[in-house]
PDB file of N, CA and C in Angstrom:
ATOM      1  N   MET A   1      43.050 138.298  87.771  1.00  0.00           N
ATOM      2  CA  MET A   1      43.866 137.910  86.643  1.00  0.00           C
ATOM      3  C   MET A   1      42.927 137.519  85.515  1.00  0.00           C
ATOM      4  N   ALA A   2      42.506 138.465  84.718  1.00  0.00           N
ATOM      5  CA  ALA A   2      41.491 138.251  83.701  1.00  0.00           C
ATOM      6  C   ALA A   2      41.896 137.217  82.666  1.00  0.00           C
ATOM      7  N   GLU A   3      43.172 137.116  82.363  1.00  0.00           N
ATOM      8  CA  GLU A   3      43.611 136.177  81.336  1.00  0.00           C
ATOM      9  C   GLU A   3      43.250 134.741  81.685  1.00  0.00           C
ATOM     10  N   LEU A   4      43.128 134.436  82.949  1.00  0.00           N
ATOM     11  CA  LEU A   4      42.833 133.076  83.363  1.00  0.00           C
ATOM     12  C   LEU A   4      41.413 132.666  83.011  1.00  0.00           C
ATOM     13  N   GLU A   5      40.557 133.603  82.640  1.00  0.00           N
ATOM     14  CA  GLU A   5      39.188 133.275  82.298  1.00  0.00           C
ATOM     15  C   GLU A   5      39.074 132.705  80.892  1.00  0.00           C
ATOM     16  N   HIS A   6      40.112 132.754  80.124  1.00  0.00           N
ATOM     17  CA  HIS A   6      40.082 132.235  78.764  1.00  0.00           C
ATOM     18  C   HIS A   6      40.351 130.742  78.775  1.00  0.00           C
ATOM     19  N   GLY A   7      39.941 130.087  77.724  1.00  0.00           N
ATOM     20  CA  GLY A   7      40.171 128.652  77.613  1.00  0.00           C
ATOM     21  C   GLY A   7      40.691 128.306  76.242  1.00  0.00           C
ATOM     22  N   PRO A   8      40.979 127.033  76.030  1.00  0.00           N
ATOM     23  CA  PRO A   8      41.550 126.632  74.753  1.00  0.00           C
ATOM     24  C   PRO A   8      40.587 126.818  73.591  1.00  0.00           C
ATOM     25  N   GLU A   9      39.280 126.906  73.864  1.00  0.00           N
ATOM     26  CA  GLU A   9      38.326 127.035  72.776  1.00  0.00           C
ATOM     27  C   GLU A   9      37.778 128.448  72.605  1.00  0.00           C
ATOM     28  N   CYS A  10      38.392 129.457  73.218  1.00  0.00           N
ATOM     29  CA  CYS A  10      37.805 130.796  73.187  1.00  0.00           C
ATOM     30  C   CYS A  10      38.065 131.555  71.885  1.00  0.00           C
ATOM     31  N   ASP A  11      39.005 131.134  71.052  1.00  0.00           N
ATOM     32  CA  ASP A  11      39.293 131.752  69.752  1.00  0.00           C
ATOM     33  C   ASP A  11      39.627 133.240  69.821  1.00  0.00           C
ATOM     34  N   CYS A  12      40.122 133.716  70.949  1.00  0.00           N
ATOM     35  CA  CYS A  12      40.461 135.134  71.059  1.00  0.00           C
ATOM     36  C   CYS A  12      41.934 135.392  70.757  1.00  0.00           C
ATOM     37  N   GLY A  13      42.693 134.326  70.537  1.00  0.00           N
ATOM     38  CA  GLY A  13      44.119 134.487  70.282  1.00  0.00           C
ATOM     39  C   GLY A  13      44.969 134.395  71.531  1.00  0.00           C
ATOM     40  N   CYS A  14      44.332 134.177  72.683  1.00  0.00           N
ATOM     41  CA  CYS A  14      45.100 134.132  73.928  1.00  0.00           C
ATOM     42  C   CYS A  14      46.035 132.931  73.981  1.00  0.00           C
ATOM     43  N   ASN A  15      45.809 131.933  73.150  1.00  0.00           N
ATOM     44  CA  ASN A  15      46.667 130.751  73.155  1.00  0.00           C
ATOM     45  C   ASN A  15      47.854 130.890  72.211  1.00  0.00           C
ATOM     46  N   ASP A  16      47.974 132.042  71.558  1.00  0.00           N
ATOM     47  CA  ASP A  16      49.076 132.266  70.632  1.00  0.00           C
ATOM     48  C   ASP A  16      50.379 132.551  71.365  1.00  0.00           C
ATOM     49  N   GLU A  17      50.296 132.943  72.601  1.00  0.00           N
ATOM     50  CA  GLU A  17      51.472 133.260  73.400  1.00  0.00           C
ATOM     51  C   GLU A  17      51.343 132.553  74.742  1.00  0.00           C
ATOM     52  N   GLN A  18      52.426 132.574  75.492  1.00  0.00           N
ATOM     53  CA  GLN A  18      52.393 131.982  76.821  1.00  0.00           C
ATOM     54  C   GLN A  18      51.438 132.770  77.704  1.00  0.00           C
ATOM     55  N   GLY A  19      50.677 132.059  78.512  1.00  0.00           N
ATOM     56  CA  GLY A  19      49.739 132.689  79.422  1.00  0.00           C
ATOM     57  C   GLY A  19      50.431 133.197  80.671  1.00  0.00           C
ATOM     58  N   PRO A  20      49.644 133.679  81.620  1.00  0.00           N
ATOM     59  CA  PRO A  20      50.214 134.157  82.878  1.00  0.00           C
ATOM     60  C   PRO A  20      50.925 133.023  83.603  1.00  0.00           C
ATOM     61  N   THR A  21      51.913 133.378  84.400  1.00  0.00           N
ATOM     62  CA  THR A  21      52.689 132.359  85.104  1.00  0.00           C
ATOM     63  C   THR A  21      52.523 132.494  86.615  1.00  0.00           C
ATOM     64  N   ILE A  22      52.762 131.385  87.288  1.00  0.00           N
ATOM     65  CA  ILE A  22      52.721 131.332  88.742  1.00  0.00           C
ATOM     66  C   ILE A  22      53.782 130.328  89.179  1.00  0.00           C
ATOM     67  N   THR A  23      54.417 130.604  90.297  1.00  0.00           N
ATOM     68  CA  THR A  23      55.406 129.674  90.835  1.00  0.00           C
ATOM     69  C   THR A  23      54.742 128.809  91.896  1.00  0.00           C
ATOM     70  N   LEU A  24      54.747 127.501  91.654  1.00  0.00           N
ATOM     71  CA  LEU A  24      54.240 126.551  92.638  1.00  0.00           C
ATOM     72  C   LEU A  24      55.363 126.212  93.601  1.00  0.00           C
ATOM     73  N   GLU A  25      55.055 126.176  94.877  1.00  0.00           N
ATOM     74  CA  GLU A  25      56.031 125.773  95.886  1.00  0.00           C
ATOM     75  C   GLU A  25      55.512 124.511  96.556  1.00  0.00           C
ATOM     76  N   PHE A  26      56.289 123.443  96.458  1.00  0.00           N
ATOM     77  CA  PHE A  26      55.885 122.145  96.973  1.00  0.00           C
ATOM     78  C   PHE A  26      56.378 121.947  98.408  1.00  0.00           C
ATOM     79  N   ASP A  27      55.791 120.968  99.092  1.00  0.00           N
ATOM     80  CA  ASP A  27      56.126 120.695 100.495  1.00  0.00           C
ATOM     81  C   ASP A  27      57.590 120.345 100.698  1.00  0.00           C
ATOM     82  N   ASP A  28      58.245 119.797  99.679  1.00  0.00           N
ATOM     83  CA  ASP A  28      59.651 119.399  99.810  1.00  0.00           C
ATOM     84  C   ASP A  28      60.621 120.556  99.580  1.00  0.00           C
ATOM     85  N   GLY A  29      60.083 121.775  99.405  1.00  0.00           N
ATOM     86  CA  GLY A  29      60.925 122.948  99.210  1.00  0.00           C
ATOM     87  C   GLY A  29      61.224 123.264  97.760  1.00  0.00           C
ATOM     88  N   GLU A  30      60.883 122.365  96.866  1.00  0.00           N
ATOM     89  CA  GLU A  30      61.089 122.601  95.439  1.00  0.00           C
ATOM     90  C   GLU A  30      60.056 123.599  94.936  1.00  0.00           C
ATOM     91  N   SER A  31      60.408 124.317  93.875  1.00  0.00           N
ATOM     92  CA  SER A  31      59.464 125.231  93.246  1.00  0.00           C
ATOM     93  C   SER A  31      59.482 125.000  91.741  1.00  0.00           C
ATOM     94  N   LEU A  32      58.388 125.378  91.095  1.00  0.00           N
ATOM     95  CA  LEU A  32      58.238 125.155  89.665  1.00  0.00           C
ATOM     96  C   LEU A  32      57.457 126.303  89.060  1.00  0.00           C
ATOM     97  N   LEU A  33      58.037 126.965  88.061  1.00  0.00           N
ATOM     98  CA  LEU A  33      57.342 128.021  87.337  1.00  0.00           C
ATOM     99  C   LEU A  33      56.364 127.370  86.374  1.00  0.00           C
ATOM    100  N   CYS A  34      55.082 127.747  86.478  1.00  0.00           N
ATOM    101  CA  CYS A  34      54.047 127.155  85.637  1.00  0.00           C
ATOM    102  C   CYS A  34      53.287 128.228  84.872  1.00  0.00           C
ATOM    103  N   GLU A  35      52.798 127.832  83.712  1.00  0.00           N
ATOM    104  CA  GLU A  35      51.916 128.670  82.907  1.00  0.00           C
ATOM    105  C   GLU A  35      50.482 128.288  83.231  1.00  0.00           C
ATOM    106  N   ALA A  36      49.644 129.287  83.464  1.00  0.00           N
ATOM    107  CA  ALA A  36      48.218 129.036  83.661  1.00  0.00           C
ATOM    108  C   ALA A  36      47.597 128.808  82.290  1.00  0.00           C
ATOM    109  N   LEU A  37      47.082 127.609  82.064  1.00  0.00           N
ATOM    110  CA  LEU A  37      46.492 127.275  80.775  1.00  0.00           C
ATOM    111  C   LEU A  37      45.089 127.850  80.649  1.00  0.00           C
ATOM    112  N   PHE A  38      44.226 127.528  81.603  1.00  0.00           N
ATOM    113  CA  PHE A  38      42.865 128.055  81.608  1.00  0.00           C
ATOM    114  C   PHE A  38      42.171 127.682  82.908  1.00  0.00           C
ATOM    115  N   VAL A  39      41.095 128.411  83.191  1.00  0.00           N
ATOM    116  CA  VAL A  39      40.232 128.144  84.338  1.00  0.00           C
ATOM    117  C   VAL A  39      38.957 127.511  83.797  1.00  0.00           C
ATOM    118  N   PHE A  40      38.451 126.507  84.499  1.00  0.00           N
ATOM    119  CA  PHE A  40      37.222 125.849  84.068  1.00  0.00           C
ATOM    120  C   PHE A  40      36.400 125.480  85.299  1.00  0.00           C
ATOM    121  N   GLU A  41      35.120 125.185  85.065  1.00  0.00           N
ATOM    122  CA  GLU A  41      34.201 124.934  86.166  1.00  0.00           C
ATOM    123  C   GLU A  41      33.774 123.473  86.198  1.00  0.00           C
ATOM    124  N   VAL A  42      33.676 122.941  87.400  1.00  0.00           N
ATOM    125  CA  VAL A  42      33.135 121.601  87.632  1.00  0.00           C
ATOM    126  C   VAL A  42      32.249 121.686  88.873  1.00  0.00           C
ATOM    127  N   ASP A  43      30.992 121.314  88.720  1.00  0.00           N
ATOM    128  CA  ASP A  43      30.041 121.306  89.841  1.00  0.00           C
ATOM    129  C   ASP A  43      30.023 122.628  90.606  1.00  0.00           C
ATOM    130  N   GLY A  44      30.055 123.731  89.879  1.00  0.00           N
ATOM    131  CA  GLY A  44      29.929 125.045  90.489  1.00  0.00           C
ATOM    132  C   GLY A  44      31.190 125.618  91.108  1.00  0.00           C
ATOM    133  N   LYS A  45      32.300 124.900  91.024  1.00  0.00           N
ATOM    134  CA  LYS A  45      33.575 125.404  91.545  1.00  0.00           C
ATOM    135  C   LYS A  45      34.534 125.614  90.381  1.00  0.00           C
ATOM    136  N   GLU A  46      35.462 126.549  90.562  1.00  0.00           N
ATOM    137  CA  GLU A  46      36.443 126.830  89.518  1.00  0.00           C
ATOM    138  C   GLU A  46      37.765 126.131  89.813  1.00  0.00           C
ATOM    139  N   TYR A  47      38.390 125.657  88.732  1.00  0.00           N
ATOM    140  CA  TYR A  47      39.676 124.975  88.808  1.00  0.00           C
ATOM    141  C   TYR A  47      40.584 125.559  87.746  1.00  0.00           C
ATOM    142  N   VAL A  48      41.887 125.467  87.977  1.00  0.00           N
ATOM    143  CA  VAL A  48      42.857 125.979  87.015  1.00  0.00           C
ATOM    144  C   VAL A  48      43.794 124.845  86.622  1.00  0.00           C
ATOM    145  N   ALA A  49      44.161 124.838  85.347  1.00  0.00           N
ATOM    146  CA  ALA A  49      45.136 123.881  84.826  1.00  0.00           C
ATOM    147  C   ALA A  49      46.452 124.622  84.635  1.00  0.00           C
ATOM    148  N   LEU A  50      47.522 124.091  85.210  1.00  0.00           N
ATOM    149  CA  LEU A  50      48.854 124.691  85.129  1.00  0.00           C
ATOM    150  C   LEU A  50      49.807 123.700  84.475  1.00  0.00           C
ATOM    151  N   ALA A  51      50.728 124.221  83.656  1.00  0.00           N
ATOM    152  CA  ALA A  51      51.733 123.381  83.002  1.00  0.00           C
ATOM    153  C   ALA A  51      53.106 124.000  83.216  1.00  0.00           C
ATOM    154  N   PRO A  52      54.153 123.173  83.298  1.00  0.00           N
ATOM    155  CA  PRO A  52      55.505 123.714  83.472  1.00  0.00           C
ATOM    156  C   PRO A  52      55.833 124.719  82.363  1.00  0.00           C
ATOM    157  N   ALA A  53      56.213 125.933  82.745  1.00  0.00           N
ATOM    158  CA  ALA A  53      56.462 126.997  81.771  1.00  0.00           C
ATOM    159  C   ALA A  53      57.781 126.818  81.039  1.00  0.00           C
ATOM    160  N   GLU A  54      58.751 126.223  81.691  1.00  0.00           N
ATOM    161  CA  GLU A  54      60.081 126.133  81.095  1.00  0.00           C
ATOM    162  C   GLU A  54      60.279 124.861  80.283  1.00  0.00           C
ATOM    163  N   ASP A  55      59.246 124.020  80.201  1.00  0.00           N
ATOM    164  CA  ASP A  55      59.333 122.784  79.428  1.00  0.00           C
ATOM    165  C   ASP A  55      58.049 122.613  78.621  1.00  0.00           C
ATOM    166  N   PRO A  56      57.943 123.315  77.483  1.00  0.00           N
ATOM    167  CA  PRO A  56      56.705 123.276  76.704  1.00  0.00           C
ATOM    168  C   PRO A  56      56.358 121.893  76.163  1.00  0.00           C
ATOM    169  N   ASP A  57      57.318 120.977  76.118  1.00  0.00           N
ATOM    170  CA  ASP A  57      57.048 119.626  75.628  1.00  0.00           C
ATOM    171  C   ASP A  57      56.555 118.689  76.728  1.00  0.00           C
ATOM    172  N   SER A  58      56.573 119.153  77.958  1.00  0.00           N
ATOM    173  CA  SER A  58      56.134 118.326  79.078  1.00  0.00           C
ATOM    174  C   SER A  58      54.633 118.058  78.971  1.00  0.00           C
ATOM    175  N   GLU A  59      54.244 116.855  79.317  1.00  0.00           N
ATOM    176  CA  GLU A  59      52.827 116.512  79.351  1.00  0.00           C
ATOM    177  C   GLU A  59      52.259 116.645  80.759  1.00  0.00           C
ATOM    178  N   ASP A  60      53.075 117.126  81.712  1.00  0.00           N
ATOM    179  CA  ASP A  60      52.619 117.309  83.084  1.00  0.00           C
ATOM    180  C   ASP A  60      51.618 118.452  83.156  1.00  0.00           C
ATOM    181  N   VAL A  61      50.558 118.239  83.905  1.00  0.00           N
ATOM    182  CA  VAL A  61      49.557 119.268  84.164  1.00  0.00           C
ATOM    183  C   VAL A  61      49.211 119.189  85.645  1.00  0.00           C
ATOM    184  N   TYR A  62      49.115 120.339  86.275  1.00  0.00           N
ATOM    185  CA  TYR A  62      48.759 120.426  87.684  1.00  0.00           C
ATOM    186  C   TYR A  62      47.378 121.065  87.772  1.00  0.00           C
ATOM    187  N   LEU A  63      46.474 120.424  88.486  1.00  0.00           N
ATOM    188  CA  LEU A  63      45.110 120.911  88.631  1.00  0.00           C
ATOM    189  C   LEU A  63      44.886 121.360  90.069  1.00  0.00           C
ATOM    190  N   TYR A  64      44.363 122.576  90.224  1.00  0.00           N
ATOM    191  CA  TYR A  64      44.098 123.149  91.543  1.00  0.00           C
ATOM    192  C   TYR A  64      42.744 123.824  91.546  1.00  0.00           C
ATOM    193  N   GLU A  65      42.139 123.880  92.731  1.00  0.00           N
ATOM    194  CA  GLU A  65      40.951 124.702  92.877  1.00  0.00           C
ATOM    195  C   GLU A  65      41.403 126.162  92.810  1.00  0.00           C
ATOM    196  N   TYR A  66      40.574 127.000  92.209  1.00  0.00           N
ATOM    197  CA  TYR A  66      40.926 128.391  91.931  1.00  0.00           C
ATOM    198  C   TYR A  66      39.931 129.301  92.639  1.00  0.00           C
ATOM    199  N   PHE A  67      40.453 130.240  93.438  1.00  0.00           N
ATOM    200  CA  PHE A  67      39.624 131.186  94.176  1.00  0.00           C
ATOM    201  C   PHE A  67      40.066 132.603  93.838  1.00  0.00           C
ATOM    202  N   GLU A  68      39.150 133.418  93.312  1.00  0.00           N
ATOM    203  CA  GLU A  68      39.458 134.836  93.130  1.00  0.00           C
ATOM    204  C   GLU A  68      39.299 135.506  94.484  1.00  0.00           C
ATOM    205  N   THR A  69      40.341 136.241  94.901  1.00  0.00           N
ATOM    206  CA  THR A  69      40.312 136.888  96.213  1.00  0.00           C
ATOM    207  C   THR A  69      40.228 138.401  96.106  1.00  0.00           C
ATOM    208  N   GLY A  70      40.302 138.915  94.918  1.00  0.00           N
ATOM    209  CA  GLY A  70      40.236 140.347  94.685  1.00  0.00           C
ATOM    210  C   GLY A  70      40.547 140.623  93.234  1.00  0.00           C
ATOM    211  N   GLU A  71      40.564 141.888  92.882  1.00  0.00           N
ATOM    212  CA  GLU A  71      40.873 142.245  91.504  1.00  0.00           C
ATOM    213  C   GLU A  71      42.309 141.846  91.192  1.00  0.00           C
ATOM    214  N   ASP A  72      42.479 141.012  90.188  1.00  0.00           N
ATOM    215  CA  ASP A  72      43.790 140.512  89.762  1.00  0.00           C
ATOM    216  C   ASP A  72      44.498 139.704  90.847  1.00  0.00           C
ATOM    217  N   GLU A  73      43.761 139.171  91.822  1.00  0.00           N
ATOM    218  CA  GLU A  73      44.352 138.356  92.877  1.00  0.00           C
ATOM    219  C   GLU A  73      43.581 137.047  92.988  1.00  0.00           C
ATOM    220  N   PHE A  74      44.317 135.978  93.253  1.00  0.00           N
ATOM    221  CA  PHE A  74      43.687 134.673  93.382  1.00  0.00           C
ATOM    222  C   PHE A  74      44.511 133.795  94.307  1.00  0.00           C
ATOM    223  N   GLU A  75      43.895 132.715  94.743  1.00  0.00           N
ATOM    224  CA  GLU A  75      44.581 131.700  95.541  1.00  0.00           C
ATOM    225  C   GLU A  75      44.295 130.347  94.922  1.00  0.00           C
ATOM    226  N   LEU A  76      45.191 129.405  95.163  1.00  0.00           N
ATOM    227  CA  LEU A  76      45.010 128.037  94.706  1.00  0.00           C
ATOM    228  C   LEU A  76      44.774 127.142  95.907  1.00  0.00           C
ATOM    229  N   GLY A  77      43.960 126.126  95.718  1.00  0.00           N
ATOM    230  CA  GLY A  77      43.714 125.153  96.777  1.00  0.00           C
ATOM    231  C   GLY A  77      43.923 123.748  96.257  1.00  0.00           C
ATOM    232  N   ASP A  78      44.486 122.904  97.098  1.00  0.00           N
ATOM    233  CA  ASP A  78      44.642 121.498  96.729  1.00  0.00           C
ATOM    234  C   ASP A  78      43.268 120.849  96.594  1.00  0.00           C
ATOM    235  N   ILE A  79      43.166 119.899  95.688  1.00  0.00           N
ATOM    236  CA  ILE A  79      41.952 119.100  95.545  1.00  0.00           C
ATOM    237  C   ILE A  79      42.169 117.853  96.397  1.00  0.00           C
ATOM    238  N   GLU A  80      41.594 117.854  97.582  1.00  0.00           N
ATOM    239  CA  GLU A  80      41.852 116.814  98.580  1.00  0.00           C
ATOM    240  C   GLU A  80      41.104 115.511  98.300  1.00  0.00           C
ATOM    241  N   ASP A  81      39.882 115.611  97.802  1.00  0.00           N
ATOM    242  CA  ASP A  81      39.019 114.445  97.611  1.00  0.00           C
ATOM    243  C   ASP A  81      39.335 113.766  96.277  1.00  0.00           C
ATOM    244  N   ASP A  82      39.657 112.476  96.324  1.00  0.00           N
ATOM    245  CA  ASP A  82      40.021 111.740  95.108  1.00  0.00           C
ATOM    246  C   ASP A  82      38.901 111.719  94.078  1.00  0.00           C
ATOM    247  N   SER A  83      37.655 111.585  94.516  1.00  0.00           N
ATOM    248  CA  SER A  83      36.547 111.546  93.559  1.00  0.00           C
ATOM    249  C   SER A  83      36.361 112.906  92.889  1.00  0.00           C
ATOM    250  N   VAL A  84      36.558 113.984  93.634  1.00  0.00           N
ATOM    251  CA  VAL A  84      36.489 115.328  93.047  1.00  0.00           C
ATOM    252  C   VAL A  84      37.637 115.507  92.064  1.00  0.00           C
ATOM    253  N   PHE A  85      38.838 115.081  92.447  1.00  0.00           N
ATOM    254  CA  PHE A  85      39.980 115.200  91.541  1.00  0.00           C
ATOM    255  C   PHE A  85      39.717 114.437  90.246  1.00  0.00           C
ATOM    256  N   ASP A  86      39.143 113.247  90.355  1.00  0.00           N
ATOM    257  CA  ASP A  86      38.841 112.459  89.158  1.00  0.00           C
ATOM    258  C   ASP A  86      37.875 113.195  88.238  1.00  0.00           C
ATOM    259  N   LYS A  87      36.840 113.834  88.804  1.00  0.00           N
ATOM    260  CA  LYS A  87      35.883 114.600  87.996  1.00  0.00           C
ATOM    261  C   LYS A  87      36.567 115.784  87.320  1.00  0.00           C
ATOM    262  N   VAL A  88      37.425 116.464  88.067  1.00  0.00           N
ATOM    263  CA  VAL A  88      38.141 117.623  87.522  1.00  0.00           C
ATOM    264  C   VAL A  88      39.071 117.176  86.397  1.00  0.00           C
ATOM    265  N   ALA A  89      39.783 116.084  86.605  1.00  0.00           N
ATOM    266  CA  ALA A  89      40.692 115.567  85.577  1.00  0.00           C
ATOM    267  C   ALA A  89      39.922 115.133  84.334  1.00  0.00           C
ATOM    268  N   GLU A  90      38.762 114.509  84.514  1.00  0.00           N
ATOM    269  CA  GLU A  90      37.935 114.110  83.372  1.00  0.00           C
ATOM    270  C   GLU A  90      37.475 115.325  82.579  1.00  0.00           C
ATOM    271  N   GLU A  91      37.069 116.381  83.278  1.00  0.00           N
ATOM    272  CA  GLU A  91      36.629 117.595  82.584  1.00  0.00           C
ATOM    273  C   GLU A  91      37.798 118.246  81.852  1.00  0.00           C
ATOM    274  N   PHE A  92      38.961 118.281  82.477  1.00  0.00           N
ATOM    275  CA  PHE A  92      40.152 118.810  81.807  1.00  0.00           C
ATOM    276  C   PHE A  92      40.423 118.016  80.530  1.00  0.00           C
ATOM    277  N   ASP A  93      40.394 116.692  80.621  1.00  0.00           N
ATOM    278  CA  ASP A  93      40.633 115.847  79.443  1.00  0.00           C
ATOM    279  C   ASP A  93      39.600 116.113  78.352  1.00  0.00           C
ATOM    280  N   ARG A  94      38.327 116.285  78.737  1.00  0.00           N
ATOM    281  CA  ARG A  94      37.269 116.554  77.764  1.00  0.00           C
ATOM    282  C   ARG A  94      37.511 117.880  77.045  1.00  0.00           C
ATOM    283  N   ILE A  95      37.873 118.901  77.799  1.00  0.00           N
ATOM    284  CA  ILE A  95      38.138 120.216  77.207  1.00  0.00           C
ATOM    285  C   ILE A  95      39.308 120.129  76.233  1.00  0.00           C
ATOM    286  N   MET A  96      40.370 119.457  76.644  1.00  0.00           N
ATOM    287  CA  MET A  96      41.548 119.343  75.780  1.00  0.00           C
ATOM    288  C   MET A  96      41.239 118.524  74.532  1.00  0.00           C
ATOM    289  N   GLU A  97      40.450 117.468  74.675  1.00  0.00           N
ATOM    290  CA  GLU A  97      40.068 116.649  73.521  1.00  0.00           C
ATOM    291  C   GLU A  97      39.279 117.481  72.514  1.00  0.00           C
ATOM    292  N   GLU A  98      38.317 118.269  73.003  1.00  0.00           N
ATOM    293  CA  GLU A  98      37.542 119.148  72.123  1.00  0.00           C
ATOM    294  C   GLU A  98      38.444 120.158  71.433  1.00  0.00           C
ATOM    295  N   TYR A  99      39.393 120.702  72.169  1.00  0.00           N
ATOM    296  CA  TYR A  99      40.318 121.688  71.613  1.00  0.00           C
ATOM    297  C   TYR A  99      41.132 121.081  70.474  1.00  0.00           C
ATOM    298  N   TYR A 100      41.703 119.908  70.701  1.00  0.00           N
ATOM    299  CA  TYR A 100      42.543 119.291  69.675  1.00  0.00           C
ATOM    300  C   TYR A 100      41.726 118.801  68.489  1.00  0.00           C
ATOM    301  N   GLU A 101      40.492 118.359  68.718  1.00  0.00           N
ATOM    302  CA  GLU A 101      39.620 117.981  67.608  1.00  0.00           C
ATOM    303  C   GLU A 101      39.294 119.198  66.753  1.00  0.00           C
ATOM    304  N   ALA A 102      39.021 120.334  67.385  1.00  0.00           N
ATOM    305  CA  ALA A 102      38.716 121.565  66.651  1.00  0.00           C
ATOM    306  C   ALA A 102      39.932 122.048  65.872  1.00  0.00           C
ATOM    307  N   GLU A 103      41.125 121.867  66.434  1.00  0.00           N
ATOM    308  CA  GLU A 103      42.353 122.277  65.747  1.00  0.00           C
ATOM    309  C   GLU A 103      42.595 121.458  64.491  1.00  0.00           C
ATOM    310  N   GLU A 104      42.186 120.189  64.501  1.00  0.00           N
ATOM    311  CA  GLU A 104      42.400 119.307  63.362  1.00  0.00           C
ATOM    312  C   GLU A 104      41.482 119.637  62.198  1.00  0.00           C
ATOM    313  N   GLU A 105      40.372 120.307  62.465  1.00  0.00           N
ATOM    314  CA  GLU A 105      39.404 120.631  61.406  1.00  0.00           C
ATOM    315  C   GLU A 105      39.871 121.769  60.545  1.00  0.00           C
TER     316      GLU A 105
END
């Protein structure tokens, strides 16, 4: 899924429209259609940021480990370790802060 390689600061226009979508299925049987915002790296591993696709005003973001399994195929993994999740969340926040600062200029 090549579109997932773009980020908020890539200036290619990929943020002008909704990105690729994926349906998350939770342990309680609920599902949620999400937009893939971007893939980013932390300590040599890739992570993806997902946001609810049907509620663009939502501030909810779901962070998962991202594994490419083939051409246009990928899998998501839960971030089990709290310290790793904290690092991933901090990097996500940093990327978004840079993006919004650049937009204000």
